[in-house]
């Protein structure tokens, strides 16, 4: 038998091609503590499939959007360069049972995986200018494709006994002035995610069954940031969320405890289609449910929107100016109007309606557009990380899978920044 020598080895190739993305993740993933802990647990046991190689292949499955372990194993079988980068020697690919045991062991050390995520967020805080200044929050539905649970079933690792039913209400207004409402139901989980609205990178997250309240989890995430990453809350200036986070306690907590301006949309909770309410102590000053302040002309009885002139922090008031003097509008009742030049509206008039940054201001509208950053991150989780079609069962597995995806995202971004390619830091599928 005459052995045929290889014409070349994978290590002789200079260009990595699409493997460049995996190299960035492996080099910038702070996973040494997890690896040493798992290696100490293995001790002098069999080491047919090294811990680090198995972990690297799991990360490769996330980077290259493999929906299952079998899909990853097929890729390893036909891609020798990928096997070599992960750390597997020769043509041997771990069997399915090896991955099952390895993942089961990883689930027991979720706290170490969470520490990796916190380490990455801390690196982003140090390396990226103004990281954490503008935060955005949203809840993402995660469908479970398993059947709904039945009472009395024992856990067997296959059924999804942790998921439940969630609902989200969408409301809007048609061109003719009528309103519409749509309710979306799903069976599964919900990812509560805080991201940096400028860099579109995750800052904090929590995975719960689908029925859990978004507002309550927002309070829990802010408390976790206060304990684990207080420097981010100290740097934060604005906190953006949709009307699902319209909550007086959340608004008060952000402003009074942390000095963060809440940029949160509001729901119309006024009854009987009440258009405006009178401001306390002011007969000709009214406001609507969004906090827009109007003055009423004493002679023409016309409502004119007053000009926002800033917040007075020490007084706890918002300042509004007369529209006739500020905009140069002709007002026949200006001489007899009790408002000579400006008024002060205390935040205590209604803490939910009157926020430190009024919803009627141009600045609020500009900042609210940043909320789409968290929607783009959610879209990447669906498209680039396979959460749209998955085989995940159970809250523990879902939390682990979300944490891996949210670790890969900043690790790849940090790699781009360190290699002077910040223009590609948001790209998850493009190679440099």
Protein backbone atom coordinates (compact mmCIF):
# COMPACT_ATOMS: atom_id res chain seq x y z
CA UNK A 1 0.00 0.00 0.00
CA UNK A 2 1.56 3.28 -1.10
CA UNK A 3 0.25 6.15 1.01
CA UNK A 4 -0.71 9.22 -0.94
CA UNK A 5 0.69 12.34 0.72
CA UNK A 6 -1.50 15.42 1.01
CA UNK A 7 -0.76 18.14 -1.48
CA UNK A 8 -1.32 20.78 1.20
CA UNK A 9 -2.56 21.18 4.74
CA UNK A 10 -5.16 23.58 5.99
CA UNK A 11 -2.55 25.35 8.10
CA UNK A 12 -0.69 26.28 4.89
CA UNK A 13 -3.58 28.40 3.64
CA UNK A 14 -3.27 32.10 4.34
CA UNK A 15 -6.78 33.26 3.46
CA UNK A 16 -9.48 32.23 5.90
CA UNK A 17 -12.39 33.55 3.87
CA UNK A 18 -15.63 33.30 5.80
CA UNK A 19 -13.79 31.71 8.74
CA UNK A 20 -12.52 35.20 9.50
CA UNK A 21 -15.74 35.84 11.42
CA UNK A 22 -15.19 32.83 13.65
CA UNK A 23 -11.58 33.90 14.28
CA UNK A 24 -12.81 37.28 15.52
CA UNK A 25 -15.23 35.62 17.94
CA UNK A 26 -12.73 33.07 19.27
CA UNK A 27 -10.04 35.68 19.83
CA UNK A 28 -12.30 38.16 21.59
CA UNK A 29 -14.48 35.81 23.65
CA UNK A 30 -13.41 36.08 27.34
CA UNK A 31 -14.16 32.42 28.08
CA UNK A 32 -10.97 31.35 29.85
CA UNK A 33 -12.65 31.07 33.27
CA UNK A 34 -15.36 28.82 31.85
CA UNK A 35 -12.84 26.63 30.03
CA UNK A 36 -10.64 26.15 33.10
CA UNK A 37 -13.65 25.30 35.24
CA UNK A 38 -14.86 22.66 32.76
CA UNK A 39 -11.36 21.22 32.41
CA UNK A 40 -11.01 20.92 36.19
CA UNK A 41 -14.31 19.07 36.30
CA UNK A 42 -13.15 16.64 33.62
CA UNK A 43 -9.86 16.09 35.46
CA UNK A 44 -8.05 12.95 34.33
CA UNK A 45 -11.06 11.55 32.50
CA UNK A 46 -11.13 10.66 28.83
CA UNK A 47 -10.30 13.55 26.55
CA UNK A 48 -11.28 12.20 23.13
CA UNK A 49 -13.04 15.48 22.38
CA UNK A 50 -11.26 18.39 24.11
CA UNK A 51 -13.31 20.91 26.07
CA UNK A 52 -12.03 23.91 24.16
CA UNK A 53 -12.62 22.32 20.78
CA UNK A 54 -16.20 21.42 21.71
CA UNK A 55 -16.86 24.95 22.99
CA UNK A 56 -15.34 26.51 19.87
CA UNK A 57 -17.53 24.34 17.65
CA UNK A 58 -20.63 25.44 19.62
CA UNK A 59 -19.66 29.05 18.93
CA UNK A 60 -19.11 28.15 15.27
CA UNK A 61 -22.65 26.81 15.12
CA UNK A 62 -23.93 30.18 16.37
CA UNK A 63 -21.75 32.22 14.03
CA UNK A 64 -22.68 30.19 10.95
CA UNK A 65 -26.40 29.97 11.76
CA UNK A 66 -26.72 26.21 12.17
CA UNK A 67 -30.24 25.38 13.41
CA UNK A 68 -29.22 22.11 15.08
CA UNK A 69 -26.25 20.09 16.28
CA UNK A 70 -26.68 17.66 13.38
CA UNK A 71 -26.36 20.52 10.93
CA UNK A 72 -23.17 21.61 12.68
CA UNK A 73 -21.76 18.07 12.63
CA UNK A 74 -22.36 17.78 8.89
CA UNK A 75 -20.49 21.03 8.36
CA UNK A 76 -17.58 19.83 10.50
CA UNK A 77 -17.45 16.55 8.56
CA UNK A 78 -16.99 18.25 5.21
CA UNK A 79 -14.97 21.31 6.29
CA UNK A 80 -11.48 20.41 7.45
CA UNK A 81 -10.45 24.03 7.83
CA UNK A 82 -13.33 24.59 10.27
CA UNK A 83 -12.35 21.47 12.27
CA UNK A 84 -8.79 22.71 12.52
CA UNK A 85 -9.84 26.18 13.67
CA UNK A 86 -12.10 24.71 16.34
CA UNK A 87 -9.25 22.52 17.61
CA UNK A 88 -10.21 19.04 16.40
CA UNK A 89 -7.29 16.99 15.17
CA UNK A 90 -7.65 14.81 12.11
CA UNK A 91 -10.98 13.92 10.52
CA UNK A 92 -12.74 12.86 13.69
CA UNK A 93 -16.03 14.68 14.42
CA UNK A 94 -17.72 14.38 17.84
CA UNK A 95 -20.85 12.20 17.78
CA UNK A 96 -24.27 13.44 18.80
CA UNK A 97 -24.07 11.97 22.30
CA UNK A 98 -20.83 13.87 22.96
CA UNK A 99 -22.56 17.16 22.19
CA UNK A 100 -25.56 16.18 24.31
CA UNK A 101 -23.36 15.51 27.34
CA UNK A 102 -21.29 18.64 26.76
CA UNK A 103 -24.36 20.89 26.48
CA UNK A 104 -25.95 19.30 29.54
CA UNK A 105 -22.80 20.15 31.47
CA UNK A 106 -22.79 23.70 30.10
CA UNK A 107 -26.37 24.27 31.27
CA UNK A 108 -25.18 23.70 34.83
CA UNK A 109 -22.76 26.64 34.52
CA UNK A 110 -25.04 29.29 33.09
CA UNK A 111 -23.68 31.80 35.60
CA UNK A 112 -20.23 31.53 33.99
CA UNK A 113 -21.72 32.15 30.55
CA UNK A 114 -23.52 35.20 31.98
CA UNK A 115 -20.17 36.42 33.31
CA UNK A 116 -18.78 36.23 29.77
CA UNK A 117 -21.60 38.49 28.59
CA UNK A 118 -21.00 40.98 31.41
CA UNK A 119 -17.28 40.99 30.62
CA UNK A 120 -18.01 41.81 26.97
CA UNK A 121 -20.36 44.65 27.95
CA UNK A 122 -17.64 46.05 30.23
CA UNK A 123 -15.14 45.96 27.35
CA UNK A 124 -17.63 47.79 25.12
CA UNK A 125 -18.01 50.42 27.84
CA UNK A 126 -14.24 50.95 27.94
CA UNK A 127 -13.49 50.85 24.21
CA UNK A 128 -16.51 52.49 22.57
CA UNK A 129 -17.03 56.23 23.13
CA UNK A 130 -20.36 57.08 24.80
CA UNK A 131 -21.40 53.43 25.00
CA UNK A 132 -24.52 53.31 27.17
CA UNK A 133 -25.45 56.99 26.80
CA UNK A 134 -28.67 56.19 24.94
CA UNK A 135 -30.39 52.93 25.87
CA UNK A 136 -33.43 51.29 24.28
CA UNK A 137 -35.63 48.52 25.67
CA UNK A 138 -38.03 46.10 24.03
CA UNK A 139 -39.53 42.65 24.49
CA UNK A 140 -39.13 40.04 21.77
CA UNK A 141 -41.49 37.05 21.41
CA UNK A 142 -39.71 33.70 21.11
CA UNK A 143 -41.98 31.03 19.70
CA UNK A 144 -41.72 27.49 20.96
CA UNK A 145 -42.48 25.03 18.20
CA UNK A 146 -43.30 22.31 20.70
CA UNK A 147 -46.82 21.32 21.62
CA UNK A 148 -48.45 23.05 24.54
CA UNK A 149 -47.88 21.38 27.88
CA UNK A 150 -50.43 19.16 29.57
CA UNK A 151 -50.99 18.92 33.29
CA UNK A 152 -49.29 16.08 35.14
CA UNK A 153 -46.44 15.47 32.68
CA UNK A 154 -42.98 14.83 34.07
CA UNK A 155 -39.96 16.61 32.52
CA UNK A 156 -38.15 14.39 30.02
CA UNK A 157 -35.91 16.88 28.20
CA UNK A 158 -38.11 16.85 25.09
CA UNK A 159 -41.38 18.47 26.01
CA UNK A 160 -41.52 22.19 26.67
CA UNK A 161 -43.00 22.43 30.15
CA UNK A 162 -41.77 25.99 30.87
CA UNK A 163 -43.37 27.91 28.02
CA UNK A 164 -46.76 29.55 28.23
CA UNK A 165 -49.02 31.82 26.16
CA UNK A 166 -48.27 35.50 25.69
CA UNK A 167 -50.24 38.27 24.03
CA UNK A 168 -49.26 41.63 22.59
CA UNK A 169 -51.75 44.29 21.57
CA UNK A 170 -51.09 46.56 18.60
CA UNK A 171 -53.17 49.72 18.22
CA UNK A 172 -53.22 52.40 15.56
CA UNK A 173 -55.27 55.05 13.84
CA UNK A 174 -56.55 54.97 10.27
CA UNK A 175 -56.57 57.89 7.87
CA UNK A 176 -60.27 58.51 8.51
CA UNK A 177 -59.65 58.92 12.24
CA UNK A 178 -60.96 55.52 13.36
CA UNK A 179 -58.78 53.28 15.50
CA UNK A 180 -57.81 49.64 14.96
CA UNK A 181 -56.58 46.96 17.34
CA UNK A 182 -54.81 43.66 16.72
CA UNK A 183 -53.82 41.04 19.29
CA UNK A 184 -50.97 38.63 18.63
CA UNK A 185 -50.78 35.40 20.66
CA UNK A 186 -47.81 33.06 20.79
CA UNK A 187 -46.72 30.05 22.81
CA UNK A 188 -43.18 30.21 24.09
CA UNK A 189 -40.97 32.77 25.77
CA UNK A 190 -40.09 36.44 25.77
CA UNK A 191 -36.66 38.06 25.56
CA UNK A 192 -36.45 41.34 27.46
CA UNK A 193 -33.51 43.20 25.98
CA UNK A 194 -31.74 46.50 26.68
CA UNK A 195 -29.39 47.64 23.92
CA UNK A 196 -27.19 50.62 23.22
CA UNK A 197 -29.24 52.67 20.76
CA UNK A 198 -26.17 54.11 19.00
CA UNK A 199 -24.00 50.99 18.56
CA UNK A 200 -26.91 48.50 18.47
CA UNK A 201 -25.19 46.17 20.93
CA UNK A 202 -26.81 44.37 23.90
CA UNK A 203 -26.35 45.73 27.41
CA UNK A 204 -28.64 43.52 29.53
CA UNK A 205 -31.22 40.82 28.91
CA UNK A 206 -33.62 38.43 30.62
CA UNK A 207 -35.57 35.44 29.25
CA UNK A 208 -38.96 34.64 30.77
CA UNK A 209 -42.10 32.71 29.84
CA UNK A 210 -44.24 34.61 27.36
CA UNK A 211 -46.86 35.77 29.86
CA UNK A 212 -44.48 37.80 32.04
CA UNK A 213 -45.04 41.57 32.13
CA UNK A 214 -42.65 43.76 30.16
CA UNK A 215 -42.87 46.61 32.68
CA UNK A 216 -41.97 44.39 35.66
CA UNK A 217 -39.01 42.95 33.79
CA UNK A 218 -37.90 46.48 32.88
CA UNK A 219 -37.68 47.29 36.60
CA UNK A 220 -35.76 44.04 37.18
CA UNK A 221 -33.26 44.79 34.39
CA UNK A 222 -32.65 48.30 35.70
CA UNK A 223 -32.00 46.88 39.18
CA UNK A 224 -29.53 44.39 37.68
CA UNK A 225 -27.73 47.22 35.90
CA UNK A 226 -27.60 49.14 39.17
CA UNK A 227 -25.92 46.18 40.88
CA UNK A 228 -23.71 44.81 38.09
CA UNK A 229 -23.00 47.81 35.83
CA UNK A 230 -23.62 51.05 37.76
CA UNK A 231 -21.19 52.91 35.51
CA UNK A 232 -23.57 52.45 32.55
CA UNK A 233 -26.51 53.91 34.47
CA UNK A 234 -24.29 56.82 35.53
CA UNK A 235 -23.43 57.52 31.89
CA UNK A 236 -26.94 56.94 30.54
CA UNK A 237 -28.89 60.06 29.55
CA UNK A 238 -31.98 58.70 27.76
CA UNK A 239 -33.98 55.49 28.05
CA UNK A 240 -36.26 54.71 25.09
CA UNK A 241 -39.21 52.35 24.96
CA UNK A 242 -42.53 51.91 23.19
CA UNK A 243 -45.91 52.43 24.81
CA UNK A 244 -45.77 48.95 26.32
CA UNK A 245 -43.46 50.50 28.96
CA UNK A 246 -45.82 53.39 29.71
CA UNK A 247 -45.67 53.18 33.50
CA UNK A 248 -45.55 55.98 36.07
CA UNK A 249 -43.27 54.05 38.45
CA UNK A 250 -40.75 53.36 35.67
CA UNK A 251 -40.71 57.01 34.60
CA UNK A 252 -40.29 58.21 38.18
CA UNK A 253 -37.53 55.68 38.90
CA UNK A 254 -35.51 56.64 35.83
CA UNK A 255 -35.63 60.38 36.49
CA UNK A 256 -35.67 60.63 40.29
CA UNK A 257 -33.19 57.83 41.08
CA UNK A 258 -30.80 57.95 38.12
CA UNK A 259 -31.38 61.28 36.35
CA UNK A 260 -32.21 59.46 33.10
CA UNK A 261 -34.73 61.06 30.76
CA UNK A 262 -37.43 58.53 29.84
CA UNK A 263 -38.36 58.67 26.14
CA UNK A 264 -41.37 56.38 26.38
CA UNK A 265 -44.50 56.58 24.24
CA UNK A 266 -47.83 56.94 26.03
CA UNK A 267 -51.23 55.26 25.81
CA UNK A 268 -54.46 57.23 25.84
CA UNK A 269 -56.11 56.18 29.10
CA UNK A 270 -58.52 59.09 29.28
CA UNK A 271 -62.16 58.08 29.32
CA UNK A 272 -65.04 59.36 27.15
CA UNK A 273 -62.68 60.74 24.46
CA UNK A 274 -61.68 63.62 26.72
CA UNK A 275 -59.64 65.95 24.44
CA UNK A 276 -57.94 68.20 27.01
CA UNK A 277 -57.73 68.96 30.71
CA UNK A 278 -57.18 72.26 32.46
CA UNK A 279 -53.85 72.88 34.16
CA UNK A 280 -54.17 73.32 37.90
CA UNK A 281 -54.42 77.01 38.78
CA UNK A 282 -54.59 78.10 35.14
CA UNK A 283 -57.99 78.72 33.57
CA UNK A 284 -56.83 79.27 30.00
CA UNK A 285 -54.04 76.62 29.92
CA UNK A 286 -54.93 73.05 28.92
CA UNK A 287 -53.04 69.90 27.96
CA UNK A 288 -53.82 66.64 26.14
CA UNK A 289 -53.00 63.05 27.12
CA UNK A 290 -49.54 63.29 25.51
CA UNK A 291 -48.59 66.31 27.62
CA UNK A 292 -48.81 68.90 24.84
CA UNK A 293 -49.63 72.27 26.46
CA UNK A 294 -51.99 74.77 24.81
CA UNK A 295 -53.12 78.27 25.66
CA UNK A 296 -56.62 79.52 24.88
CA UNK A 297 -57.05 83.00 23.40
CA UNK A 298 -59.42 85.02 25.63
CA UNK A 299 -61.11 86.66 22.62
CA UNK A 300 -60.97 84.14 19.74
CA UNK A 301 -61.10 81.06 21.99
CA UNK A 302 -58.54 79.30 19.79
CA UNK A 303 -56.09 76.74 21.16
CA UNK A 304 -52.45 77.39 20.28
CA UNK A 305 -49.59 75.06 21.20
CA UNK A 306 -47.14 76.69 23.56
CA UNK A 307 -43.39 76.61 22.87
CA UNK A 308 -41.32 74.32 25.09
CA UNK A 309 -38.45 76.25 26.69
CA UNK A 310 -36.65 73.58 28.74
CA UNK A 311 -36.73 71.93 32.14
CA UNK A 312 -35.84 73.49 35.49
CA UNK A 313 -34.41 70.59 37.46
CA UNK A 314 -34.26 72.32 40.84
CA UNK A 315 -37.86 73.47 40.60
CA UNK A 316 -39.06 70.20 39.01
CA UNK A 317 -40.95 72.15 36.36
CA UNK A 318 -41.22 72.45 32.59
CA UNK A 319 -41.14 75.92 31.10
CA UNK A 320 -43.41 76.94 28.22
CA UNK A 321 -43.50 80.26 26.39
CA UNK A 322 -46.35 82.24 24.90
CA UNK A 323 -46.72 81.18 21.22
CA UNK A 324 -47.57 84.73 20.13
CA UNK A 325 -44.30 86.12 21.48
CA UNK A 326 -42.15 83.08 20.62
CA UNK A 327 -43.37 82.43 17.07
CA UNK A 328 -44.63 85.91 16.24
CA UNK A 329 -48.24 84.74 15.86
CA UNK A 330 -50.93 87.43 15.86
CA UNK A 331 -53.15 86.99 18.93
CA UNK A 332 -56.06 89.40 19.47
CA UNK A 333 -56.33 88.51 23.13
CA UNK A 334 -52.66 88.93 23.96
CA UNK A 335 -53.20 92.09 26.02
CA UNK A 336 -55.88 90.53 28.23
CA UNK A 337 -54.24 87.07 28.47
CA UNK A 338 -53.10 86.16 32.02
CA UNK A 339 -49.99 84.53 30.54
CA UNK A 340 -47.61 87.43 29.93
CA UNK A 341 -44.53 85.64 28.64
CA UNK A 342 -44.16 82.09 30.01
CA UNK A 343 -45.53 79.56 32.50
CA UNK A 344 -44.13 76.72 34.57
CA UNK A 345 -45.77 73.29 34.55
CA UNK A 346 -44.76 71.14 37.53
CA UNK A 347 -43.95 67.50 36.78
CA UNK A 348 -46.07 66.59 39.77
CA UNK A 349 -49.18 67.65 37.82
CA UNK A 350 -49.09 64.12 36.33
CA UNK A 351 -45.78 62.23 36.38
CA UNK A 352 -46.93 59.85 33.65
CA UNK A 353 -47.97 62.62 31.23
CA UNK A 354 -45.38 65.30 32.02
CA UNK A 355 -41.91 63.82 31.60
CA UNK A 356 -38.52 65.60 31.86
CA UNK A 357 -38.39 65.62 28.06
CA UNK A 358 -41.90 66.47 26.75
CA UNK A 359 -43.31 64.27 24.02
CA UNK A 360 -44.27 67.36 22.05
CA UNK A 361 -40.64 68.52 21.69
CA UNK A 362 -38.54 67.98 18.58
CA UNK A 363 -35.78 66.44 20.70
CA UNK A 364 -38.14 63.75 22.00
CA UNK A 365 -39.19 62.80 18.47
CA UNK A 366 -35.56 62.55 17.34
CA UNK A 367 -34.59 60.41 20.31
CA UNK A 368 -37.62 58.15 19.98
CA UNK A 369 -36.41 57.15 16.51
CA UNK A 370 -33.46 55.46 18.23
CA UNK A 371 -35.88 52.85 19.54
CA UNK A 372 -35.59 51.08 16.19
CA UNK A 373 -32.07 50.02 17.26
CA UNK A 374 -33.49 47.33 19.54
CA UNK A 375 -35.82 46.18 16.75
CA UNK A 376 -32.83 45.75 14.44
CA UNK A 377 -31.04 43.69 17.10
CA UNK A 378 -34.17 41.53 17.42
CA UNK A 379 -34.21 41.10 13.65
CA UNK A 380 -30.58 39.93 13.68
CA UNK A 381 -31.45 37.37 16.33
CA UNK A 382 -34.14 35.99 14.02
CA UNK A 383 -32.24 36.13 10.73
CA UNK A 384 -28.56 35.76 11.68
CA UNK A 385 -28.88 33.55 14.77
CA UNK A 386 -31.76 31.31 13.78
CA UNK A 387 -34.40 32.16 16.39
CA UNK A 388 -37.07 32.29 13.71
CA UNK A 389 -36.77 28.52 13.17
CA UNK A 390 -35.25 26.57 16.03
CA UNK A 391 -35.54 23.32 18.02
CA UNK A 392 -35.08 24.76 21.52
CA UNK A 393 -37.15 23.31 24.37
CA UNK A 394 -37.26 24.59 27.93
CA UNK A 395 -36.46 27.88 29.63
CA UNK A 396 -32.94 26.81 30.61
CA UNK A 397 -32.00 25.93 27.03
CA UNK A 398 -33.63 29.09 25.66
CA UNK A 399 -31.72 31.28 28.12
CA UNK A 400 -28.46 29.54 27.24
CA UNK A 401 -29.04 29.90 23.50
CA UNK A 402 -29.94 33.59 23.84
CA UNK A 403 -26.87 34.25 25.97
CA UNK A 404 -24.61 32.63 23.34
CA UNK A 405 -26.06 34.77 20.55
CA UNK A 406 -25.80 37.92 22.65
CA UNK A 407 -22.17 37.07 23.50
CA UNK A 408 -21.19 36.51 19.88
CA UNK A 409 -22.63 39.88 18.84
CA UNK A 410 -20.37 42.13 20.99
CA UNK A 411 -17.38 39.79 20.62
CA UNK A 412 -17.46 40.18 16.86
CA UNK A 413 -18.01 43.93 17.16
CA UNK A 414 -15.03 44.29 19.51
CA UNK A 415 -12.89 42.32 17.06
CA UNK A 416 -13.81 44.73 14.27
CA UNK A 417 -12.99 47.74 16.45
CA UNK A 418 -9.63 46.35 17.57
CA UNK A 419 -8.71 45.67 13.94
CA UNK A 420 -9.62 49.24 12.94
CA UNK A 421 -12.75 48.23 11.03
CA UNK A 422 -15.54 49.90 13.03
CA UNK A 423 -17.59 50.23 9.84
CA UNK A 424 -18.21 46.45 10.00
CA UNK A 425 -18.97 46.19 13.71
CA UNK A 426 -22.71 45.69 13.10
CA UNK A 427 -22.21 43.12 10.35
CA UNK A 428 -22.67 39.52 11.47
CA UNK A 429 -22.45 37.78 8.08
CA UNK A 430 -19.92 39.83 6.14
CA UNK A 431 -16.21 39.05 6.22
CA UNK A 432 -13.59 41.78 6.27
